[in-house]
Amino acid sequence: MKLSPSSEAVVAATAGVVAAHAEEITTVFYPAMFAAHPELLNVFNRANQAVGEQPKALAASVVAFAVQLIDPDAPDFTPIMRRIAHKHVSLGIKAREYTIVGTHLLDAVGTVLGDAVTSEVRAAWDEVYWLFATALIAEEARLYALGGTDPEQPWRSYRVVERVEELEDIFSLVLAPVSGETPSHRTGQYVAIAVDLPDGTRQPRQYTISSGPRGDALRVTIKRVHGVGGAPDGQVSTWLHANATPGAVLELSQPAGDVVLDDTDAPLALVSAGIGITPIAAILEDLSRRQPERTVRLFHADRSHDTHALYASLRRQVLAMRDAKAQNWYEHDADHAPTLHPALPGLMDLSQVDLPEDATVFMCGPLPFMQAARTALMARDVPAERIHYEVFGPDLWAQNAAV
């Protein structure tokens, strides 16, 4: 992908100004777009809109893409592009919706920057946007085709065949298609579940498939979100907690996600915190069945043993493998951990743990946690390219990569 020479010169001259106002531009863009196209409110996560995460993610992505176009030494944008495409496929984004987004995004640039946006400046940034959009459209079309999904009908009906109460606010659902076969997925992927809420709105949320490939069904493990500091409770997780009982029918996307278990026999380090244990649980289940000889180290942080989801099954799988070891950290009541598997008190500390040489790392948890873990791992000479991560919600990693 390459900008035309005239647009490249304009973007190089204006990128700093656009970057400085990027979040302001997106906060103008979203309300205007939703006012003109309220049907898109059913696609976007309203919670992420409310706390500002979605605008920040879009701003960071567009600016990073533009910088890559004008700076040959800029980081490769391909991994971020691939990740966005997977998120979009899980939400059922359609190619025609990019025209709507592009129109309102460029209008917002004009609103925020005013007279500085000449016809030449608008044309150059329109070219940036459509290079960005066409790359995503192509990748999303490929993913839809590989998943056997008609992008005009991206949702499929699944029936809850089993529900397991893991902890007070964490539950697992075993889901089977109402008709047809369970689509194949790679270990570590997720699905979106879309629900029709009592206020008449429809909202999707993404949940990791917490089981390895099993053929006849898939499992998701969900944490009911309680609002903190005056924030409302999670709409979708609360609705699922109350209504997703055996026999209920839910609408799911095709499996998506690019942070997946590889097929090598290289050592693995699995790093997680809180409900971020779900993709790790899927990876460990798959490994214990297909590669029980593989070297694995599991590092997990939680508030306490009482909030450690999927502990029993994870423990069984670790014990079933030849060279698997686990270490947990609990912020509270670490001395209440099972005596056969004691936990360390406080926050995770990777500085002295048993880390296999040449290990590939998979991480999932809150963004600050993963940034701290990445820093600790790189201090132990783990190359950045061997550290893979999954983020629940908009991916703000690139915006904070220097942390």
Protein backbone atom coordinates (compact mmCIF):
# COMPACT_ATOMS: atom_id res chain seq x y z
CA MET A 1 0.00 0.00 0.00
CA LYS A 2 1.34 3.38 -0.96
CA LEU A 3 0.00 6.91 -1.00
CA SER A 4 0.15 8.99 -4.18
CA PRO A 5 3.11 11.42 -4.10
CA SER A 6 0.89 14.48 -3.67
CA SER A 7 -1.08 12.91 -0.82
CA GLU A 8 2.11 11.64 0.83
CA ALA A 9 3.48 15.19 1.00
CA VAL A 10 0.23 16.53 2.47
CA VAL A 11 -0.07 13.73 5.04
CA ALA A 12 3.56 14.18 6.08
CA ALA A 13 2.92 17.90 6.63
CA THR A 14 -0.33 17.43 8.56
CA ALA A 15 0.10 14.12 10.41
CA GLY A 16 1.33 15.82 13.57
CA VAL A 17 -1.70 18.10 13.74
CA VAL A 18 -4.14 15.26 13.07
CA ALA A 19 -2.43 13.07 15.66
CA ALA A 20 -2.60 15.84 18.26
CA HIS A 21 -6.36 16.17 17.72
CA ALA A 22 -7.13 12.53 16.92
CA GLU A 23 -9.15 11.74 20.03
CA GLU A 24 -11.08 15.00 19.73
CA ILE A 25 -11.85 14.11 16.10
CA THR A 26 -13.23 10.70 17.05
CA THR A 27 -15.36 12.13 19.87
CA VAL A 28 -16.99 14.41 17.27
CA PHE A 29 -17.21 11.64 14.68
CA TYR A 30 -19.08 8.98 16.70
CA PRO A 31 -22.05 11.10 17.88
CA ALA A 32 -22.54 12.52 14.40
CA MET A 33 -22.42 9.09 12.76
CA PHE A 34 -24.80 7.54 15.30
CA ALA A 35 -27.23 10.43 14.90
CA ALA A 36 -27.33 9.84 11.14
CA HIS A 37 -27.21 6.03 11.38
CA PRO A 38 -28.67 4.88 14.71
CA GLU A 39 -28.72 1.28 13.46
CA LEU A 40 -24.93 1.21 13.98
CA LEU A 41 -25.48 1.53 17.73
CA ASN A 42 -26.38 -2.17 17.58
CA VAL A 43 -22.89 -2.97 16.27
CA PHE A 44 -20.68 -0.88 18.53
CA ASN A 45 -20.12 -1.67 22.20
CA ARG A 46 -21.90 1.15 24.05
CA ALA A 47 -19.90 0.60 27.22
CA ASN A 48 -16.63 1.18 25.36
CA GLN A 49 -18.14 4.29 23.80
CA ALA A 50 -19.22 5.59 27.21
CA VAL A 51 -15.77 5.29 28.80
CA GLY A 52 -13.97 6.53 25.68
CA GLU A 53 -12.07 3.35 24.84
CA GLN A 54 -13.45 2.93 21.32
CA PRO A 55 -12.62 6.50 20.21
CA LYS A 56 -9.09 6.13 21.60
CA ALA A 57 -8.59 2.82 19.79
CA LEU A 58 -9.81 4.21 16.45
CA ALA A 59 -7.67 7.34 16.82
CA ALA A 60 -4.54 5.35 17.63
CA SER A 61 -5.13 2.94 14.75
CA VAL A 62 -5.73 5.55 12.03
CA VAL A 63 -2.73 7.62 13.12
CA ALA A 64 -0.47 4.54 13.31
CA PHE A 65 -1.58 3.49 9.83
CA ALA A 66 -0.93 6.96 8.40
CA VAL A 67 2.52 7.13 9.98
CA GLN A 68 3.40 3.77 8.44
CA LEU A 69 2.49 5.14 5.01
CA ILE A 70 4.87 8.09 5.27
CA ASP A 71 7.67 6.67 7.42
CA PRO A 72 9.51 3.58 6.12
CA ASP A 73 10.99 3.03 9.60
CA ALA A 74 7.61 2.98 11.36
CA PRO A 75 6.48 -0.31 13.00
CA ASP A 76 4.69 -2.76 10.74
CA PHE A 77 0.95 -2.11 10.96
CA THR A 78 -0.01 -5.54 9.61
CA PRO A 79 -0.50 -7.24 13.01
CA ILE A 80 -2.83 -4.47 14.18
CA MET A 81 -4.70 -4.58 10.87
CA ARG A 82 -5.17 -8.34 11.20
CA ARG A 83 -6.45 -7.97 14.76
CA ILE A 84 -8.97 -5.27 13.77
CA ALA A 85 -10.24 -7.46 10.94
CA HIS A 86 -10.88 -10.36 13.33
CA LYS A 87 -12.77 -8.05 15.71
CA HIS A 88 -14.87 -6.71 12.84
CA VAL A 89 -15.74 -10.19 11.59
CA SER A 90 -16.91 -11.16 15.07
CA LEU A 91 -19.22 -8.13 15.02
CA GLY A 92 -20.61 -8.77 11.54
CA ILE A 93 -19.19 -5.58 10.02
CA LYS A 94 -20.17 -5.19 6.36
CA ALA A 95 -18.10 -3.65 3.57
CA ARG A 96 -20.72 -1.00 2.77
CA GLU A 97 -20.51 0.36 6.32
CA TYR A 98 -16.99 1.63 5.63
CA THR A 99 -18.47 4.32 3.35
CA ILE A 100 -20.60 5.60 6.22
CA VAL A 101 -17.63 5.61 8.61
CA GLY A 102 -15.34 7.34 6.10
CA THR A 103 -17.79 10.14 5.33
CA HIS A 104 -18.40 11.00 8.98
CA LEU A 105 -14.75 10.60 9.99
CA LEU A 106 -13.56 13.08 7.33
CA ASP A 107 -16.38 15.45 8.26
CA ALA A 108 -15.19 15.30 11.87
CA VAL A 109 -11.63 16.14 10.80
CA GLY A 110 -13.01 19.24 9.09
CA THR A 111 -15.11 20.19 12.11
CA VAL A 112 -12.20 19.96 14.54
CA LEU A 113 -9.42 21.44 12.40
CA GLY A 114 -11.56 24.02 10.62
CA ASP A 115 -9.98 26.11 7.86
CA ALA A 116 -6.76 24.09 8.05
CA VAL A 117 -8.59 21.31 6.18
CA THR A 118 -8.35 22.49 2.59
CA SER A 119 -9.69 20.41 -0.28
CA GLU A 120 -6.16 19.04 -0.79
CA VAL A 121 -5.84 18.05 2.88
CA ARG A 122 -9.24 16.36 2.88
CA ALA A 123 -8.42 14.48 -0.32
CA ALA A 124 -5.11 13.24 1.10
CA TRP A 125 -6.66 11.97 4.34
CA ASP A 126 -9.53 10.46 2.36
CA GLU A 127 -6.89 8.48 0.48
CA VAL A 128 -5.36 7.36 3.81
CA TYR A 129 -8.76 6.23 5.05
CA TRP A 130 -9.59 4.23 1.93
CA LEU A 131 -6.22 2.49 1.89
CA PHE A 132 -6.98 1.57 5.50
CA ALA A 133 -10.56 0.53 4.72
CA THR A 134 -9.85 -1.50 1.58
CA ALA A 135 -7.14 -3.49 3.35
CA LEU A 136 -9.61 -4.30 6.13
CA ILE A 137 -12.45 -5.11 3.72
CA ALA A 138 -10.22 -7.56 1.84
CA GLU A 139 -9.01 -9.30 4.99
CA GLU A 140 -12.53 -9.48 6.43
CA ALA A 141 -13.87 -10.95 3.19
CA ARG A 142 -11.16 -13.60 3.41
CA LEU A 143 -12.06 -14.44 7.02
CA TYR A 144 -15.79 -14.62 6.26
CA ALA A 145 -15.07 -16.98 3.35
CA LEU A 146 -12.79 -19.20 5.45
CA GLY A 147 -15.49 -19.38 8.13
CA GLY A 148 -18.22 -20.22 5.61
CA THR A 149 -20.14 -17.11 6.70
CA ASP A 150 -22.40 -14.95 4.54
CA PRO A 151 -21.47 -11.42 5.71
CA GLU A 152 -25.09 -10.41 5.14
CA GLN A 153 -26.16 -13.08 7.68
CA PRO A 154 -23.24 -13.19 10.13
CA TRP A 155 -25.12 -14.49 13.19
CA ARG A 156 -25.91 -18.13 13.89
CA SER A 157 -28.27 -19.63 16.49
CA TYR A 158 -26.82 -21.74 19.31
CA ARG A 159 -28.65 -23.50 22.12
CA VAL A 160 -27.33 -23.56 25.70
CA VAL A 161 -26.97 -27.28 26.43
CA GLU A 162 -25.20 -26.93 29.77
CA ARG A 163 -24.43 -24.21 32.30
CA VAL A 164 -21.79 -24.49 35.01
CA GLU A 165 -21.57 -22.04 37.90
CA GLU A 166 -17.81 -21.67 38.24
CA LEU A 167 -17.81 -18.99 40.96
CA GLU A 168 -20.32 -16.50 42.33
CA ASP A 169 -20.15 -14.20 39.29
CA ILE A 170 -18.44 -16.48 36.75
CA PHE A 171 -20.29 -19.11 34.75
CA SER A 172 -19.58 -21.30 31.74
CA LEU A 173 -22.00 -22.04 28.91
CA VAL A 174 -21.71 -25.07 26.65
CA LEU A 175 -23.28 -24.10 23.32
CA ALA A 176 -24.29 -26.23 20.34
CA PRO A 177 -25.61 -25.01 16.97
CA VAL A 178 -29.38 -25.21 16.60
CA SER A 179 -28.74 -26.62 13.13
CA GLY A 180 -25.67 -27.82 11.29
CA GLU A 181 -22.21 -28.55 12.63
CA THR A 182 -20.11 -26.61 15.09
CA PRO A 183 -17.70 -24.46 13.07
CA SER A 184 -14.05 -25.28 13.49
CA HIS A 185 -11.97 -22.91 15.55
CA ARG A 186 -8.38 -22.53 16.61
CA THR A 187 -7.52 -22.70 20.27
CA GLY A 188 -7.45 -19.20 21.73
CA GLN A 189 -10.16 -17.71 19.52
CA TYR A 190 -13.37 -16.02 20.66
CA VAL A 191 -16.96 -15.54 19.54
CA ALA A 192 -19.29 -12.59 19.89
CA ILE A 193 -22.69 -13.11 21.49
CA ALA A 194 -25.38 -10.61 20.50
CA VAL A 195 -28.39 -10.16 22.78
CA ASP A 196 -31.58 -8.13 22.53
CA LEU A 197 -31.78 -6.12 25.75
CA PRO A 198 -34.97 -5.08 27.58
CA ASP A 199 -34.60 -1.44 26.42
CA GLY A 200 -34.96 -2.57 22.79
CA THR A 201 -31.29 -2.27 21.88
CA ARG A 202 -29.09 -5.06 20.59
CA GLN A 203 -25.53 -5.38 21.88
CA PRO A 204 -22.64 -7.76 21.03
CA ARG A 205 -19.87 -8.80 23.38
CA GLN A 206 -16.86 -11.01 22.68
CA TYR A 207 -16.06 -14.03 24.85
CA THR A 208 -13.14 -16.40 24.55
CA ILE A 209 -13.93 -19.99 23.65
CA SER A 210 -12.63 -21.49 26.89
CA SER A 211 -12.52 -25.07 25.60
CA GLY A 212 -10.26 -26.62 23.02
CA PRO A 213 -11.77 -27.80 19.73
CA ARG A 214 -14.33 -30.50 20.59
CA GLY A 215 -16.46 -30.84 17.46
CA ASP A 216 -19.99 -30.99 18.84
CA ALA A 217 -20.14 -27.81 20.93
CA LEU A 218 -18.07 -24.96 22.32
CA ARG A 219 -17.74 -23.46 25.78
CA VAL A 220 -17.53 -19.81 26.81
CA THR A 221 -16.79 -18.64 30.34
CA ILE A 222 -18.36 -15.32 31.30
CA LYS A 223 -17.81 -12.96 34.22
CA ARG A 224 -20.81 -10.89 35.28
CA VAL A 225 -19.51 -7.32 35.36
CA HIS A 226 -20.44 -5.18 38.35
CA GLY A 227 -20.16 -1.43 37.95
CA VAL A 228 -17.43 0.26 39.99
CA GLY A 229 -17.37 3.88 41.13
CA GLY A 230 -20.89 4.65 39.97
CA ALA A 231 -20.52 2.94 36.59
CA PRO A 232 -23.47 0.73 35.58
CA ASP A 233 -23.31 -3.06 35.65
CA GLY A 234 -22.35 -4.79 32.42
CA GLN A 235 -25.50 -4.98 30.29
CA VAL A 236 -24.75 -8.12 28.33
CA SER A 237 -23.01 -10.11 31.05
CA THR A 238 -25.86 -9.31 33.46
CA TRP A 239 -28.46 -10.34 30.88
CA LEU A 240 -26.63 -13.60 30.16
CA HIS A 241 -26.24 -14.31 33.87
CA ALA A 242 -30.01 -14.05 34.30
CA ASN A 243 -31.21 -15.59 31.04
CA ALA A 244 -28.62 -17.94 29.53
CA THR A 245 -29.97 -21.17 31.02
CA PRO A 246 -30.17 -24.62 29.37
CA GLY A 247 -32.53 -24.48 26.41
CA ALA A 248 -32.04 -20.76 25.75
CA VAL A 249 -31.06 -19.82 22.19
CA LEU A 250 -28.31 -17.24 21.64
CA GLU A 251 -26.93 -15.57 18.51
CA LEU A 252 -23.19 -16.14 17.96
CA SER A 253 -20.64 -14.96 15.43
CA GLN A 254 -18.16 -17.20 13.70
CA PRO A 255 -15.00 -17.86 15.76
CA ALA A 256 -12.40 -15.12 15.34
CA GLY A 257 -9.10 -13.99 16.79
CA ASP A 258 -5.46 -14.13 15.74
CA VAL A 259 -3.86 -15.05 19.09
CA VAL A 260 -3.97 -18.82 18.69
CA LEU A 261 -2.04 -21.87 19.79
CA ASP A 262 0.69 -22.85 17.35
CA ASP A 263 1.33 -26.40 16.15
CA THR A 264 4.99 -26.59 17.14
CA ASP A 265 6.51 -28.28 20.17
CA ALA A 266 8.23 -25.10 21.42
CA PRO A 267 8.03 -24.36 25.16
CA LEU A 268 5.15 -22.14 26.25
CA ALA A 269 4.66 -19.60 29.02
CA LEU A 270 0.99 -18.76 29.67
CA VAL A 271 0.48 -15.50 31.58
CA SER A 272 -2.93 -14.32 32.78
CA ALA A 273 -4.86 -12.32 35.35
CA GLY A 274 -8.49 -12.54 36.45
CA ILE A 275 -10.96 -13.60 33.76
CA GLY A 276 -8.05 -13.46 31.30
CA ILE A 277 -7.60 -17.10 32.30
CA THR A 278 -10.20 -18.13 29.68
CA PRO A 279 -7.98 -18.33 26.56
CA ILE A 280 -5.25 -19.85 28.72
CA ALA A 281 -7.71 -22.53 29.87
CA ALA A 282 -8.53 -23.37 26.25
CA ILE A 283 -4.84 -23.62 25.37
CA LEU A 284 -4.07 -25.85 28.34
CA GLU A 285 -7.05 -28.15 27.66
CA ASP A 286 -5.93 -28.59 24.07
CA LEU A 287 -2.30 -29.18 25.06
CA SER A 288 -3.16 -31.76 27.72
CA ARG A 289 -5.06 -33.75 25.10
CA ARG A 290 -2.86 -33.38 22.01
CA GLN A 291 0.62 -32.51 23.31
CA PRO A 292 0.94 -33.78 26.90
CA GLU A 293 4.74 -33.87 26.53
CA ARG A 294 5.06 -30.18 25.73
CA THR A 295 6.86 -27.91 28.21
CA VAL A 296 4.40 -25.41 29.70
CA ARG A 297 4.63 -22.85 32.49
CA LEU A 298 1.39 -21.31 33.73
CA PHE A 299 1.54 -17.99 35.61
CA HIS A 300 -1.72 -16.51 36.90
CA ALA A 301 -2.65 -13.56 39.14
CA ASP A 302 -5.99 -13.12 40.86
CA ARG A 303 -7.59 -11.36 43.80
CA SER A 304 -7.85 -14.59 45.80
CA HIS A 305 -8.33 -18.32 45.40
CA ASP A 306 -12.09 -17.75 45.69
CA THR A 307 -12.05 -15.64 42.50
CA HIS A 308 -9.73 -17.92 40.51
CA ALA A 309 -11.95 -19.21 37.69
CA LEU A 310 -11.53 -22.72 36.24
CA TYR A 311 -8.94 -23.59 38.89
CA ALA A 312 -9.90 -27.26 39.31
CA SER A 313 -9.81 -28.12 35.60
CA LEU A 314 -6.57 -26.22 35.08
CA ARG A 315 -4.98 -28.06 37.98
CA ARG A 316 -6.04 -31.44 36.56
CA GLN A 317 -4.57 -30.59 33.17
CA VAL A 318 -1.26 -29.41 34.65
CA LEU A 319 -0.95 -32.66 36.59
CA ALA A 320 -1.76 -34.70 33.47
CA MET A 321 1.17 -33.24 31.52
CA ARG A 322 4.78 -34.41 31.66
CA ASP A 323 6.46 -31.00 32.00
CA ALA A 324 3.82 -28.49 33.09
CA LYS A 325 4.07 -26.32 36.19
CA ALA A 326 1.84 -23.57 37.53
CA GLN A 327 2.42 -20.62 39.84
CA ASN A 328 -0.35 -18.36 41.12
CA TRP A 329 -0.28 -15.02 42.90
CA TYR A 330 -3.21 -13.86 45.06
CA GLU A 331 -3.56 -10.28 46.26
CA HIS A 332 -5.59 -11.44 49.27
CA ASP A 333 -5.58 -14.58 51.41
CA ALA A 334 -2.75 -16.31 49.57
CA ASP A 335 -2.38 -18.56 52.61
CA HIS A 336 -5.85 -19.97 51.86
CA ALA A 337 -4.69 -21.48 48.56
CA PRO A 338 -4.71 -25.31 48.36
CA THR A 339 -1.73 -26.75 50.24
CA LEU A 340 -0.79 -28.94 47.28
CA HIS A 341 -0.39 -25.83 45.14
CA PRO A 342 0.55 -22.82 47.29
CA ALA A 343 0.17 -19.30 45.92
CA LEU A 344 2.48 -16.36 46.41
CA PRO A 345 1.06 -13.22 48.01
CA GLY A 346 0.70 -9.93 46.17
CA LEU A 347 1.09 -9.05 42.51
CA MET A 348 2.70 -11.24 39.88
CA ASP A 349 6.48 -11.09 39.78
CA LEU A 350 8.10 -12.76 36.78
CA SER A 351 11.66 -11.71 37.58
CA GLN A 352 12.67 -15.01 39.18
CA VAL A 353 10.20 -17.58 37.85
CA ASP A 354 11.16 -20.78 36.04
CA LEU A 355 10.99 -19.57 32.45
CA PRO A 356 11.85 -22.14 29.76
CA GLU A 357 14.51 -21.12 27.30
CA ASP A 358 13.12 -19.92 23.94
CA ALA A 359 9.56 -19.95 25.30
CA THR A 360 6.66 -18.48 23.34
CA VAL A 361 4.44 -16.37 25.59
CA PHE A 362 0.65 -15.99 25.48
CA MET A 363 -0.86 -13.30 27.71
CA CYS A 364 -4.39 -12.20 28.57
CA GLY A 365 -5.62 -9.81 31.24
CA PRO A 366 -6.05 -6.09 31.92
CA LEU A 367 -3.86 -3.89 29.73
CA PRO A 368 -1.69 -2.47 32.57
CA PHE A 369 -1.07 -6.00 33.83
CA MET A 370 0.07 -7.18 30.40
CA GLN A 371 2.30 -4.16 29.89
CA ALA A 372 4.02 -4.84 33.22
CA ALA A 373 4.37 -8.54 32.37
CA ARG A 374 5.80 -7.72 28.95
CA THR A 375 8.36 -5.37 30.51
CA ALA A 376 9.39 -8.07 33.00
CA LEU A 377 9.69 -10.71 30.29
CA MET A 378 11.74 -8.50 27.99
CA ALA A 379 14.05 -7.74 30.92
CA ARG A 380 14.67 -11.50 30.94
CA ASP A 381 15.60 -11.37 27.24
CA VAL A 382 12.32 -12.69 25.84
CA PRO A 383 12.06 -11.05 22.39
CA ALA A 384 8.98 -8.92 21.79
CA GLU A 385 8.05 -11.00 18.74
CA ARG A 386 7.59 -14.06 20.96
CA ILE A 387 5.13 -12.30 23.28
CA HIS A 388 1.53 -12.60 22.08
CA TYR A 389 -1.45 -11.02 23.80
CA GLU A 390 -5.24 -10.87 23.72
CA VAL A 391 -7.21 -7.81 24.83
CA PHE A 392 -10.86 -7.89 25.93
CA GLY A 393 -12.38 -4.82 24.25
CA PRO A 394 -10.72 -2.19 22.03
CA ASP A 395 -7.02 -2.77 21.55
CA LEU A 396 -5.20 0.21 23.08
CA TRP A 397 -1.86 -1.64 23.21
CA ALA A 398 -0.34 0.26 20.27
CA GLN A 399 -1.26 3.57 21.84
CA ASN A 400 0.54 2.55 25.05
CA ALA A 401 3.32 0.40 23.58
CA ALA A 402 6.06 2.51 25.10
CA VAL A 403 4.82 1.86 28.63
